[in-house]
């Protein structure tokens, strides 16, 4: 099971990333916000694959009514994904948020 500490490690491994609170929850920023804990077991990230993720893994991915107007945001149930998928999601969100990709 992926935890908030795993999210923190993956996020802080990306260049130029800092952690601070957003809406009283841990959040990670590079140029802008790219990941935020929604609650203790759910992470918010940006993706270009939201509809596909929701269709393929509805137990792992969801949206809150607040996110419906933001096509790139998706909520991720940490207990339903593995570390590799977490890493892919965070790195994609980081790129979408305008930070330099890790491999650059």
Protein backbone atom coordinates (compact mmCIF):
# COMPACT_ATOMS: atom_id res chain seq x y z
CA UNK A 1 0.00 0.00 0.00
CA UNK A 2 1.28 3.45 -0.92
CA UNK A 3 1.34 6.01 1.91
CA UNK A 4 1.63 9.77 2.31
CA UNK A 5 5.32 9.22 3.14
CA UNK A 6 5.76 7.48 -0.23
CA UNK A 7 4.08 10.45 -1.95
CA UNK A 8 6.38 12.82 -0.09
CA UNK A 9 9.49 10.85 -1.13
CA UNK A 10 8.47 10.69 -4.80
CA UNK A 11 7.54 14.39 -4.93
CA UNK A 12 10.62 15.68 -3.13
CA UNK A 13 12.90 13.63 -5.41
CA UNK A 14 11.84 15.87 -8.32
CA UNK A 15 14.05 18.91 -9.03
CA UNK A 16 12.94 22.22 -7.54
CA UNK A 17 10.15 20.71 -5.44
CA UNK A 18 9.13 22.09 -2.07
CA UNK A 19 6.47 21.02 0.39
CA UNK A 20 4.05 23.33 2.12
CA UNK A 21 0.44 23.33 3.21
CA UNK A 22 -2.46 23.98 0.86
CA UNK A 23 -5.93 23.96 2.42
CA UNK A 24 -4.23 22.64 5.59
CA UNK A 25 -2.99 19.53 3.77
CA UNK A 26 0.54 18.62 2.62
CA UNK A 27 1.15 19.79 -0.93
CA UNK A 28 4.08 19.80 -3.33
CA UNK A 29 5.07 22.65 -5.59
CA UNK A 30 7.66 23.15 -8.29
CA UNK A 31 6.66 26.16 -10.39
CA UNK A 32 3.07 25.60 -9.26
CA UNK A 33 1.13 23.07 -7.24
CA UNK A 34 1.40 19.59 -8.72
CA UNK A 35 0.24 17.25 -5.93
CA UNK A 36 -1.78 17.65 -2.74
CA UNK A 37 -3.10 15.27 -0.16
CA UNK A 38 -6.92 15.47 -0.29
CA UNK A 39 -7.14 13.53 2.96
CA UNK A 40 -4.94 10.97 4.72
CA UNK A 41 -5.37 8.32 2.02
CA UNK A 42 -6.27 10.27 -1.15
CA UNK A 43 -3.94 12.32 -3.36
CA UNK A 44 -4.86 14.97 -5.94
CA UNK A 45 -2.75 15.10 -9.11
CA UNK A 46 -2.95 16.49 -12.63
CA UNK A 47 -3.24 14.15 -15.61
CA UNK A 48 -4.07 14.16 -19.29
CA UNK A 49 -5.62 10.70 -18.86
CA UNK A 50 -8.40 11.39 -16.34
CA UNK A 51 -11.25 9.79 -18.29
CA UNK A 52 -9.17 6.71 -19.08
CA UNK A 53 -8.06 6.32 -15.46
CA UNK A 54 -11.61 6.70 -14.17
CA UNK A 55 -12.90 4.12 -16.65
CA UNK A 56 -10.09 1.59 -16.18
CA UNK A 57 -9.75 1.75 -12.39
CA UNK A 58 -12.84 3.30 -10.79
CA UNK A 59 -11.82 1.89 -7.40
CA UNK A 60 -8.51 3.72 -7.52
CA UNK A 61 -9.47 6.99 -9.22
CA UNK A 62 -12.33 9.37 -8.60
CA UNK A 63 -13.32 13.00 -8.84
CA UNK A 64 -15.03 15.21 -6.31
CA UNK A 65 -17.74 17.55 -7.65
CA UNK A 66 -15.27 20.41 -7.04
CA UNK A 67 -12.91 18.85 -9.61
CA UNK A 68 -15.46 18.42 -12.39
CA UNK A 69 -14.67 21.86 -13.79
CA UNK A 70 -10.92 21.11 -13.86
CA UNK A 71 -10.39 18.48 -16.53
CA UNK A 72 -6.82 17.69 -15.49
CA UNK A 73 -7.47 16.93 -11.81
CA UNK A 74 -8.07 13.44 -10.46
CA UNK A 75 -8.14 11.96 -6.97
CA UNK A 76 -6.12 8.81 -6.31
CA UNK A 77 -6.86 6.33 -3.51
CA UNK A 78 -3.36 5.50 -2.32
CA UNK A 79 -4.34 2.07 -1.05
CA UNK A 80 -5.38 1.03 -4.56
CA UNK A 81 -2.16 1.79 -6.48
CA UNK A 82 1.44 0.62 -6.33
CA UNK A 83 4.63 2.61 -6.00
CA UNK A 84 5.41 2.50 -9.74
CA UNK A 85 1.98 3.89 -10.64
CA UNK A 86 2.36 6.57 -7.97
CA UNK A 87 5.69 7.59 -9.47
CA UNK A 88 4.20 7.79 -12.99
CA UNK A 89 1.24 9.87 -11.80
CA UNK A 90 3.38 12.29 -9.80
CA UNK A 91 5.92 12.74 -12.60
CA UNK A 92 3.13 13.42 -15.12
CA UNK A 93 1.52 15.95 -12.78
CA UNK A 94 4.91 17.60 -12.26
CA UNK A 95 5.36 17.98 -16.03
CA UNK A 96 1.82 19.30 -16.55
CA UNK A 97 2.38 21.87 -13.80
CA UNK A 98 5.25 23.25 -15.86
CA UNK A 99 8.26 21.91 -14.02
CA UNK A 100 11.18 20.39 -15.86
CA UNK A 101 10.89 16.64 -16.31
CA UNK A 102 13.12 14.54 -14.06
CA UNK A 103 15.00 13.02 -16.98
CA UNK A 104 15.90 16.39 -18.51
